Amino acid sequence: MTKLECLAVAARVLAISFALLLTLSVGAALSQATVYIECTGPDGKVTRGSGVIVGERGEVMTARHLVPPHYTCKGLVGTVADMPTRKLLRRKMSATWDAALMFFVPQQGETFAPVTYVPIREDFRSKQIEAHGFPEVGTGELSSRSGTIATTIPDEDGTIETDSLTTKGMSGGPVFLKGSGHLVGIVAGAQFDKTTAVPTHYKVLAADLVASEFELIAADLGSGAESGPQPTKADAIFVSGTARAEVFGTGGGGLAQRIKADAGLGETAEVNGRGGEFSECDDDSGRTVSEASASGRVDVVDGTGLKFSYNVRAQGGHFRTAGACFGSTLVGITGHDTGSSSLVRLLGTIEFTQQKSAPLELEWEALPPGARLSISDPALMTNVRELKFEGSGTKSLSSLEAGKRYILTVELDGNADSVGSCCPQLLAANSFVRIKGGVFDQHSWSVPE
């Protein structure tokens, strides 16, 4: 073998080694971008699936059907060997496609490694892909399924066809172009033959259909490529919110069981309860059935404002007992009142960077008594200002340090109580809190009304 041939062989070995190392590096990174998701409903029903980290601040994209309203979700990155303990909160539900944007609340100084997406192109047909996720039946290890892209034009559900053999539990998991680590979509199930019930193809929801809606980061493919939005700027505004609704009762035959529902930003938490009062001898004698209902919701307004809405209603109850019954006639009647209560707790946050040139301008409308506002420093995990507002008004805060990140937190409670049949109680509120000025607003994470 000549010296030139030896050099050529060495070069090929180095190229293969580099490609192998690159593949291993990409694979390791993708495993830390895939999330196991478990959501539990008020009735104890559980949904399980997968997701993918798409933002440095812990944003996770998954399938919308995995995160029904009122379900509480938790996630774990890279494995299901342990039970997920970290809360996943809702940021946005796609209005059109089976996609949801969730997020982990970052801990102090924590950042995540998001993936970047590429739009589906015609020349992607027959390109190799890898689908990642956590099968429902397995050891807890991340599963990777190889395949190829069969179609490049999304159907009415926004999906393209592939032959990647995904399975239950992988829904919502990422699908990457093999070797590059670029996201093309998320696992969206399979299409089955109506006669044989055998899968005819496996579906992937195209990432570019929700890229604008979820502000995904586009891959840098060189000159001429779209740079895409960058949702991780230091000046970005992040908005989140939660709602909890509860009803419960007091007294025999009333609403003995406490009923709860939780919801995220842009969703309604709603519960209704009815007591089981009845009188002795004659069920309807002097009877009033206790009832309670509660609903609450937090929405974002114009990117830098929060809207809080709630309705609470309570109707107490009454029933009779008797010393003796002669048919349906009560003798020695004693009346008993029962109580009912409904409660809504709303919480909203706006994270922002204070401008150098202007004080923070707050505006609020129709805040109920007891509303609590605070401004905290997320780096120090301490409150900078605690405020109590009600009604409507404005306030200018000039004491915040320019260029620093802060979190405005707003908490509202609505409560209705009623005992006995005489006095039902109904309360409702539609309140707003807005940041009108003093913050950078180059990029807004929000849920449109």
Protein backbone atom coordinates (compact mmCIF):
# COMPACT_ATOMS: atom_id res chain seq x y z
CA MET A 1 0.00 0.00 0.00
CA THR A 2 1.41 3.35 -1.02
CA LYS A 3 1.79 6.28 1.36
CA LEU A 4 -1.00 8.11 -0.46
CA GLU A 5 -3.35 5.13 -0.07
CA CYS A 6 -2.52 4.91 3.65
CA LEU A 7 -3.38 8.57 4.08
CA ALA A 8 -6.68 8.05 2.25
CA VAL A 9 -7.60 5.09 4.50
CA ALA A 10 -6.69 7.10 7.62
CA ALA A 11 -8.86 9.98 6.43
CA ARG A 12 -11.82 7.66 5.90
CA VAL A 13 -11.37 6.15 9.37
CA LEU A 14 -11.29 9.62 10.91
CA ALA A 15 -14.41 10.65 8.99
CA ILE A 16 -16.29 7.54 10.12
CA SER A 17 -15.14 8.05 13.73
CA PHE A 18 -16.24 11.70 13.64
CA ALA A 19 -19.63 10.74 12.18
CA LEU A 20 -20.08 8.10 14.89
CA LEU A 21 -19.16 10.53 17.65
CA LEU A 22 -21.53 13.12 16.16
CA THR A 23 -24.34 10.57 16.02
CA LEU A 24 -23.73 9.52 19.63
CA SER A 25 -23.62 13.17 20.71
CA VAL A 26 -26.89 13.97 18.90
CA GLY A 27 -28.51 10.85 20.35
CA ALA A 28 -27.51 11.79 23.90
CA ALA A 29 -28.85 15.32 23.44
CA LEU A 30 -32.15 14.05 22.04
CA SER A 31 -32.63 11.70 24.97
CA GLN A 32 -32.42 14.73 27.28
CA ALA A 33 -35.03 16.55 25.19
CA THR A 34 -37.67 13.80 25.37
CA VAL A 35 -40.13 13.99 28.27
CA TYR A 36 -42.33 11.36 29.88
CA ILE A 37 -45.73 12.86 30.73
CA GLU A 38 -48.37 11.56 33.14
CA CYS A 39 -51.66 13.38 33.77
CA THR A 40 -54.29 12.53 36.39
CA GLY A 41 -57.94 13.57 36.25
CA PRO A 42 -60.26 14.51 39.13
CA ASP A 43 -61.72 10.99 38.95
CA GLY A 44 -58.29 9.32 39.17
CA LYS A 45 -58.12 8.45 35.47
CA VAL A 46 -54.56 8.65 34.11
CA THR A 47 -53.21 9.48 30.64
CA ARG A 48 -49.58 8.75 29.72
CA GLY A 49 -47.48 9.86 26.80
CA SER A 50 -44.38 11.70 25.67
CA GLY A 51 -43.27 15.22 24.78
CA VAL A 52 -40.26 17.24 23.64
CA ILE A 53 -38.48 20.27 25.12
CA VAL A 54 -38.80 23.20 22.70
CA GLY A 55 -37.77 26.17 24.87
CA GLU A 56 -34.89 27.11 27.17
CA ARG A 57 -37.33 27.99 29.94
CA GLY A 58 -38.80 24.48 30.06
CA GLU A 59 -41.50 24.62 27.36
CA VAL A 60 -42.63 21.12 26.33
CA MET A 61 -44.67 20.32 23.22
CA THR A 62 -46.93 17.26 23.32
CA ALA A 63 -50.25 15.94 22.01
CA ARG A 64 -53.30 17.90 23.20
CA HIS A 65 -55.36 14.75 23.85
CA LEU A 66 -52.86 13.72 26.56
CA VAL A 67 -53.66 16.80 28.70
CA PRO A 68 -57.47 17.06 29.05
CA PRO A 69 -58.97 20.01 30.94
CA HIS A 70 -58.86 19.71 34.75
CA TYR A 71 -56.09 17.08 34.63
CA THR A 72 -52.94 17.65 36.70
CA CYS A 73 -49.74 16.77 34.81
CA LYS A 74 -46.21 15.84 35.82
CA GLY A 75 -43.14 15.10 33.73
CA LEU A 76 -39.71 13.51 33.81
CA VAL A 77 -36.91 14.09 31.30
CA GLY A 78 -35.17 11.18 29.58
CA THR A 79 -36.61 8.21 31.48
CA VAL A 80 -39.60 6.70 33.30
CA ALA A 81 -37.43 4.63 35.62
CA ASP A 82 -38.66 6.94 38.41
CA MET A 83 -42.12 8.32 39.05
CA PRO A 84 -42.54 11.82 37.62
CA THR A 85 -42.70 14.40 40.40
CA ARG A 86 -42.15 17.68 38.57
CA LYS A 87 -45.28 19.64 37.69
CA LEU A 88 -46.05 20.43 34.06
CA LEU A 89 -48.30 23.47 33.63
CA ARG A 90 -50.31 24.46 30.58
CA ARG A 91 -49.09 27.36 28.46
CA LYS A 92 -51.20 26.97 25.33
CA MET A 93 -53.55 24.53 23.61
CA SER A 94 -53.55 24.61 19.82
CA ALA A 95 -56.90 25.80 18.51
CA THR A 96 -56.61 23.68 15.36
CA TRP A 97 -54.26 20.74 15.84
CA ASP A 98 -53.73 17.92 18.33
CA ALA A 99 -50.88 19.79 20.03
CA ALA A 100 -50.29 21.41 23.41
CA LEU A 101 -47.53 23.57 24.86
CA MET A 102 -46.76 22.80 28.51
CA PHE A 103 -43.91 24.04 30.68
CA PHE A 104 -41.79 23.15 33.68
CA VAL A 105 -41.31 26.05 36.11
CA PRO A 106 -37.53 26.73 35.94
CA GLN A 107 -35.60 26.54 39.18
CA GLN A 108 -33.13 29.28 40.06
CA GLY A 109 -30.48 29.51 37.34
CA GLU A 110 -31.93 26.52 35.44
CA THR A 111 -32.07 26.39 31.65
CA PHE A 112 -33.16 23.62 29.29
CA ALA A 113 -31.70 22.42 25.97
CA PRO A 114 -34.47 22.87 23.38
CA VAL A 115 -34.61 21.17 20.00
CA THR A 116 -35.00 23.13 16.77
CA TYR A 117 -37.50 22.33 14.02
CA VAL A 118 -37.38 22.17 10.22
CA PRO A 119 -40.43 22.65 7.97
CA ILE A 120 -41.52 19.61 5.95
CA ARG A 121 -40.27 19.89 2.35
CA GLU A 122 -41.04 17.87 -0.76
CA ASP A 123 -37.51 16.47 -0.87
CA PHE A 124 -38.03 14.94 2.60
CA ARG A 125 -39.92 12.04 1.01
CA SER A 126 -38.10 8.77 1.83
CA LYS A 127 -35.75 10.54 4.27
CA GLN A 128 -34.95 8.56 7.40
CA ILE A 129 -36.47 9.62 10.72
CA GLU A 130 -36.38 8.56 14.35
CA ALA A 131 -39.41 8.68 16.66
CA HIS A 132 -38.65 8.91 20.39
CA GLY A 133 -40.94 8.17 23.31
CA PHE A 134 -41.86 5.96 26.22
CA PRO A 135 -43.98 2.89 25.30
CA GLU A 136 -46.71 2.11 27.80
CA VAL A 137 -45.36 -1.43 28.17
CA GLY A 138 -41.62 -1.43 28.74
CA THR A 139 -38.74 -1.02 31.15
CA GLY A 140 -38.91 2.75 31.41
CA GLU A 141 -36.05 3.20 28.96
CA LEU A 142 -36.45 5.72 26.15
CA SER A 143 -37.42 3.97 22.91
CA SER A 144 -36.21 5.07 19.48
CA ARG A 145 -38.04 3.78 16.38
CA SER A 146 -36.54 4.29 12.90
CA GLY A 147 -38.51 4.77 9.73
CA THR A 148 -38.93 6.89 6.62
CA ILE A 149 -41.22 9.73 5.55
CA ALA A 150 -43.86 8.53 3.07
CA THR A 151 -45.79 11.74 2.36
CA THR A 152 -44.85 15.42 2.68
CA ILE A 153 -48.25 17.15 2.35
CA PRO A 154 -50.13 17.20 5.69
CA ASP A 155 -53.69 15.83 5.67
CA GLU A 156 -56.75 17.47 7.25
CA ASP A 157 -55.43 16.49 10.69
CA GLY A 158 -52.06 18.10 9.98
CA THR A 159 -50.27 14.75 9.80
CA ILE A 160 -47.89 13.15 7.33
CA GLU A 161 -47.45 9.40 6.76
CA THR A 162 -44.41 7.44 7.94
CA ASP A 163 -43.51 3.79 8.52
CA SER A 164 -41.93 4.41 11.94
CA LEU A 165 -43.43 1.70 14.18
CA THR A 166 -44.59 3.84 17.09
CA THR A 167 -46.77 2.43 19.83
CA LYS A 168 -49.07 3.46 22.68
CA GLY A 169 -47.28 5.73 25.13
CA MET A 170 -45.22 7.44 22.43
CA SER A 171 -47.99 9.88 21.46
CA GLY A 172 -46.70 13.44 21.60
CA GLY A 173 -43.07 12.31 21.44
CA PRO A 174 -40.59 13.93 19.04
CA VAL A 175 -39.84 12.77 15.51
CA PHE A 176 -36.40 13.84 14.23
CA LEU A 177 -34.58 13.75 10.93
CA LYS A 178 -32.08 10.95 11.50
CA GLY A 179 -28.57 12.14 12.31
CA SER A 180 -29.39 15.85 12.42
CA GLY A 181 -31.51 16.14 15.57
CA HIS A 182 -33.92 18.53 13.82
CA LEU A 183 -37.56 18.14 14.81
CA VAL A 184 -40.05 17.45 12.00
CA GLY A 185 -43.09 16.74 14.19
CA ILE A 186 -44.60 14.74 17.05
CA VAL A 187 -46.05 11.23 17.14
CA ALA A 188 -49.78 11.37 16.33
CA GLY A 189 -50.85 7.70 16.31
CA ALA A 190 -51.58 5.30 13.47
CA GLN A 191 -54.10 4.76 10.68
CA PHE A 192 -55.70 1.29 10.70
CA ASP A 193 -57.19 -0.79 7.90
CA LYS A 194 -60.97 -0.98 8.46
CA THR A 195 -61.12 -4.65 7.48
CA THR A 196 -57.98 -6.15 9.00
CA ALA A 197 -57.39 -3.62 11.83
CA VAL A 198 -53.73 -3.68 10.83
CA PRO A 199 -51.91 -0.31 10.76
CA THR A 200 -51.52 1.00 7.21
CA HIS A 201 -49.18 3.82 8.25
CA TYR A 202 -48.03 5.81 11.26
CA LYS A 203 -48.85 9.51 11.62
CA VAL A 204 -46.69 12.50 12.54
CA LEU A 205 -48.11 15.97 13.24
CA ALA A 206 -45.93 18.41 11.26
CA ALA A 207 -44.07 20.78 13.59
CA ASP A 208 -44.18 23.69 11.14
CA LEU A 209 -48.00 23.83 11.48
CA VAL A 210 -47.69 24.96 15.11
CA ALA A 211 -44.31 26.72 14.83
CA SER A 212 -45.82 30.20 14.78
CA GLU A 213 -48.52 29.39 17.34
CA PHE A 214 -46.02 27.90 19.81
CA GLU A 215 -43.07 30.10 18.75
CA LEU A 216 -40.80 27.14 18.04
CA ILE A 217 -37.13 27.76 17.30
CA ALA A 218 -36.22 27.16 13.64
CA ALA A 219 -33.03 25.26 12.82
CA ASP A 220 -30.18 27.30 11.36
CA LEU A 221 -29.66 25.59 8.01
CA GLY A 222 -27.23 28.15 6.61
CA SER A 223 -27.70 31.20 4.43
CA GLY A 224 -31.18 31.73 3.13
CA ALA A 225 -32.77 29.66 5.88
CA GLU A 226 -35.49 31.17 7.99
CA SER A 227 -34.17 32.11 11.40
CA GLY A 228 -37.56 31.66 13.06
CA PRO A 229 -38.73 33.30 16.27
CA GLN A 230 -36.46 33.24 19.30
CA PRO A 231 -38.65 32.88 22.39
CA THR A 232 -35.71 32.78 24.80
CA LYS A 233 -34.57 36.40 24.66
CA ALA A 234 -33.76 37.93 28.01
CA ASP A 235 -36.44 40.52 27.31
CA ALA A 236 -39.25 38.03 26.70
CA ILE A 237 -42.49 38.30 28.64
CA PHE A 238 -43.85 35.05 30.07
CA VAL A 239 -47.46 34.75 31.22
CA SER A 240 -49.01 31.87 33.18
CA GLY A 241 -52.10 31.23 35.25
CA THR A 242 -54.01 28.61 37.23
CA ALA A 243 -57.57 28.28 38.50
CA ARG A 244 -59.06 26.04 41.19
CA ALA A 245 -62.77 25.61 41.87
CA GLU A 246 -64.20 23.79 44.92
CA VAL A 247 -67.62 23.08 46.41
CA PHE A 248 -68.41 21.46 49.75
CA GLY A 249 -71.09 21.35 52.41
CA THR A 250 -71.82 21.09 56.13
CA GLY A 251 -74.59 19.41 58.03
CA GLY A 252 -76.22 16.01 57.70
CA GLY A 253 -77.35 15.14 54.18
CA GLY A 254 -75.51 18.09 52.65
CA LEU A 255 -72.56 18.27 50.27
CA ALA A 256 -70.37 16.09 52.45
CA GLN A 257 -67.76 15.39 49.77
CA ARG A 258 -65.45 18.19 48.67
CA ILE A 259 -65.34 18.41 44.86
CA LYS A 260 -62.40 20.11 43.12
CA ALA A 261 -61.24 21.00 39.62
CA ASP A 262 -58.04 22.63 38.38
CA ALA A 263 -57.28 24.39 35.10
CA GLY A 264 -54.41 26.19 33.43
CA LEU A 265 -54.15 29.49 31.59
CA GLY A 266 -56.99 29.94 29.11
CA GLU A 267 -59.05 27.07 30.58
CA THR A 268 -62.08 27.03 32.88
CA ALA A 269 -62.12 25.20 36.21
CA GLU A 270 -65.75 24.33 36.93
CA VAL A 271 -67.54 22.14 39.49
CA ASN A 272 -71.14 21.61 40.60
CA GLY A 273 -72.49 19.80 43.64
CA ARG A 274 -75.89 18.87 45.01
CA GLY A 275 -76.79 17.62 48.48
CA GLY A 276 -78.91 14.62 49.39
CA GLU A 277 -81.26 16.08 52.00
CA PHE A 278 -84.57 14.33 52.65
CA SER A 279 -87.05 14.44 55.50
CA GLU A 280 -88.30 11.52 57.55
CA CYS A 281 -91.72 10.07 56.80
CA ASP A 282 -92.17 12.31 53.75
CA ASP A 283 -89.01 13.09 51.74
CA ASP A 284 -90.31 16.47 50.53
CA SER A 285 -91.72 17.74 53.82
CA GLY A 286 -90.00 21.09 54.45
CA ARG A 287 -87.05 20.01 52.33
CA THR A 288 -84.61 22.28 50.48
CA VAL A 289 -81.76 20.54 48.68
CA SER A 290 -78.40 22.25 49.10
CA GLU A 291 -76.52 23.20 45.94
CA ALA A 292 -73.20 24.85 45.09
CA SER A 293 -71.36 25.74 41.89
CA ALA A 294 -68.04 27.39 41.18
CA SER A 295 -66.17 28.32 38.01
CA GLY A 296 -63.00 30.32 37.47
CA ARG A 297 -60.66 31.22 34.65
CA VAL A 298 -57.42 33.16 34.01
CA ASP A 299 -56.74 34.59 30.53
CA VAL A 300 -54.01 36.71 29.03
CA VAL A 301 -54.91 40.08 27.49
CA ASP A 302 -52.71 41.88 24.94
CA GLY A 303 -49.62 39.92 25.97
CA THR A 304 -48.95 41.94 29.16
CA GLY A 305 -52.26 41.72 31.02
CA LEU A 306 -54.32 39.18 32.92
CA LYS A 307 -58.08 38.75 33.08
CA PHE A 308 -59.63 36.98 36.07
CA SER A 309 -63.21 35.68 35.90
CA TYR A 310 -65.21 33.73 38.44
CA ASN A 311 -68.76 32.81 39.40
CA VAL A 312 -69.62 31.24 42.74
CA ARG A 313 -73.07 30.25 43.98
CA ALA A 314 -74.22 28.57 47.19
CA GLN A 315 -77.66 27.48 48.35
CA GLY A 316 -78.05 25.98 51.82
CA GLY A 317 -80.49 23.18 52.56
CA HIS A 318 -83.07 22.06 55.11
CA PHE A 319 -84.68 18.80 56.18
CA ARG A 320 -86.90 17.50 59.01
CA THR A 321 -86.74 14.65 61.43
CA ALA A 322 -89.67 13.33 63.45
CA GLY A 323 -90.27 11.70 66.79
CA ALA A 324 -92.72 9.38 65.06
CA CYS A 325 -94.31 8.85 61.65
CA PHE A 326 -97.97 8.05 61.03
CA GLY A 327 -97.97 7.31 57.32
CA SER A 328 -96.55 10.49 55.78
CA THR A 329 -97.44 12.60 58.82
CA LEU A 330 -94.59 13.73 61.06
CA VAL A 331 -95.04 13.98 64.81
CA GLY A 332 -92.49 15.82 66.96
CA ILE A 333 -90.87 17.68 64.07
CA THR A 334 -87.32 19.01 64.33
CA GLY A 335 -85.85 21.14 61.53
CA HIS A 336 -82.20 20.93 60.47
CA ASP A 337 -80.26 23.42 58.34
CA THR A 338 -77.39 22.35 56.12
CA GLY A 339 -74.76 24.58 54.59
CA SER A 340 -72.99 24.77 51.24
CA SER A 341 -69.89 26.65 50.14
CA SER A 342 -68.24 27.39 46.81
CA LEU A 343 -64.72 28.70 46.40
CA VAL A 344 -62.54 29.82 43.49
CA ARG A 345 -58.82 30.57 43.76
CA LEU A 346 -57.17 32.30 40.79
CA LEU A 347 -53.45 32.94 40.32
CA GLY A 348 -51.71 34.67 37.43
CA THR A 349 -48.08 35.66 36.84
CA ILE A 350 -46.26 37.91 34.39
CA GLU A 351 -42.48 37.63 34.18
CA PHE A 352 -40.76 40.63 32.62
CA THR A 353 -37.56 42.67 32.37
CA GLN A 354 -37.69 46.19 33.82
CA GLN A 355 -36.86 48.88 31.27
CA LYS A 356 -34.02 51.29 31.86
CA SER A 357 -35.97 54.30 30.65
CA ALA A 358 -39.31 54.15 32.43
CA PRO A 359 -40.95 53.08 35.73
CA LEU A 360 -43.31 50.13 35.84
CA GLU A 361 -46.88 51.21 35.12
CA LEU A 362 -49.66 49.04 36.57
CA GLU A 363 -53.37 49.33 35.80
CA TRP A 364 -56.18 47.34 37.40
CA GLU A 365 -59.94 47.16 36.99
CA ALA A 366 -62.73 45.74 39.18
CA LEU A 367 -60.43 43.93 41.62
CA PRO A 368 -62.47 42.40 44.47
CA PRO A 369 -61.55 43.08 48.12
CA GLY A 370 -58.68 40.93 49.32
CA ALA A 371 -56.87 40.74 45.97
CA ARG A 372 -53.13 40.26 46.49
CA LEU A 373 -50.35 41.51 44.21
CA SER A 374 -46.64 40.97 44.69
CA ILE A 375 -43.48 41.62 42.69
CA SER A 376 -40.65 39.15 43.28
CA ASP A 377 -37.06 38.68 42.19
CA PRO A 378 -36.84 35.14 40.71
CA ALA A 379 -33.06 35.04 41.15
CA LEU A 380 -33.32 35.66 44.91
CA MET A 381 -36.72 33.93 45.32
CA THR A 382 -37.91 36.86 47.48
CA ASN A 383 -40.71 39.40 47.26
CA VAL A 384 -39.62 42.93 46.37
CA ARG A 385 -43.03 44.57 46.82
CA GLU A 386 -46.34 43.38 48.24
CA LEU A 387 -49.41 45.37 47.23
CA LYS A 388 -53.13 45.28 48.06
CA PHE A 389 -55.46 46.82 45.52
CA GLU A 390 -59.21 46.73 45.00
CA GLY A 391 -61.59 48.44 42.62
CA SER A 392 -59.92 50.23 39.70
CA GLY A 393 -56.83 52.42 39.44
CA THR A 394 -53.23 52.86 38.28
CA LYS A 395 -49.85 52.98 40.01
CA SER A 396 -46.30 53.84 38.93
CA LEU A 397 -43.44 51.87 40.53
CA SER A 398 -40.03 53.48 40.10
CA SER A 399 -38.06 51.49 42.69
CA LEU A 400 -37.39 48.44 40.50
CA GLU A 401 -33.84 47.96 39.24
CA ALA A 402 -33.44 48.58 35.51
CA GLY A 403 -32.50 45.58 33.40
CA LYS A 404 -33.52 42.98 36.01
CA ARG A 405 -36.10 40.21 35.70
CA TYR A 406 -39.16 40.34 37.95
CA ILE A 407 -42.37 38.34 38.40
CA LEU A 408 -45.71 40.05 39.03
CA THR A 409 -48.06 37.65 40.84
CA VAL A 410 -51.79 38.31 41.25
CA GLU A 411 -54.03 36.20 43.51
CA LEU A 412 -57.83 36.45 43.77
CA ASP A 413 -60.37 34.45 45.78
CA GLY A 414 -64.12 34.24 45.32
CA ASN A 415 -66.23 32.61 48.03
CA ALA A 416 -69.97 32.07 48.59
CA ASP A 417 -71.51 30.49 51.72
CA SER A 418 -75.13 29.72 52.56
CA VAL A 419 -76.81 27.98 55.49
CA GLY A 420 -80.46 26.98 55.42
CA SER A 421 -83.07 27.54 52.76
CA CYS A 422 -83.57 31.27 53.17
CA CYS A 423 -80.49 32.92 51.76
CA PRO A 424 -78.74 31.76 48.59
CA GLN A 425 -75.57 33.66 47.73
CA LEU A 426 -74.18 34.49 44.28
CA LEU A 427 -70.96 36.35 43.51
CA ALA A 428 -69.24 37.08 40.20
CA ALA A 429 -66.19 39.04 39.10
CA ASN A 430 -64.42 40.08 35.91
CA SER A 431 -61.14 41.71 36.87
CA PHE A 432 -58.07 42.89 34.95
CA VAL A 433 -54.45 43.63 35.84
CA ARG A 434 -52.17 45.06 33.14
CA ILE A 435 -48.59 46.23 32.78
CA LYS A 436 -48.98 49.34 30.64
CA GLY A 437 -45.36 50.46 30.45
CA GLY A 438 -41.87 50.09 31.80
CA VAL A 439 -41.14 46.62 30.40
CA PHE A 440 -39.55 45.28 27.28
CA ASP A 441 -42.15 43.73 25.00
CA GLN A 442 -40.10 42.30 22.15
CA HIS A 443 -41.57 38.83 22.45
CA SER A 444 -44.71 37.72 24.26
CA TRP A 445 -45.63 34.20 25.39
CA SER A 446 -49.37 34.34 25.72
CA VAL A 447 -52.67 32.63 25.05
CA PRO A 448 -54.98 34.72 22.83
CA GLU A 449 -58.49 35.33 24.08
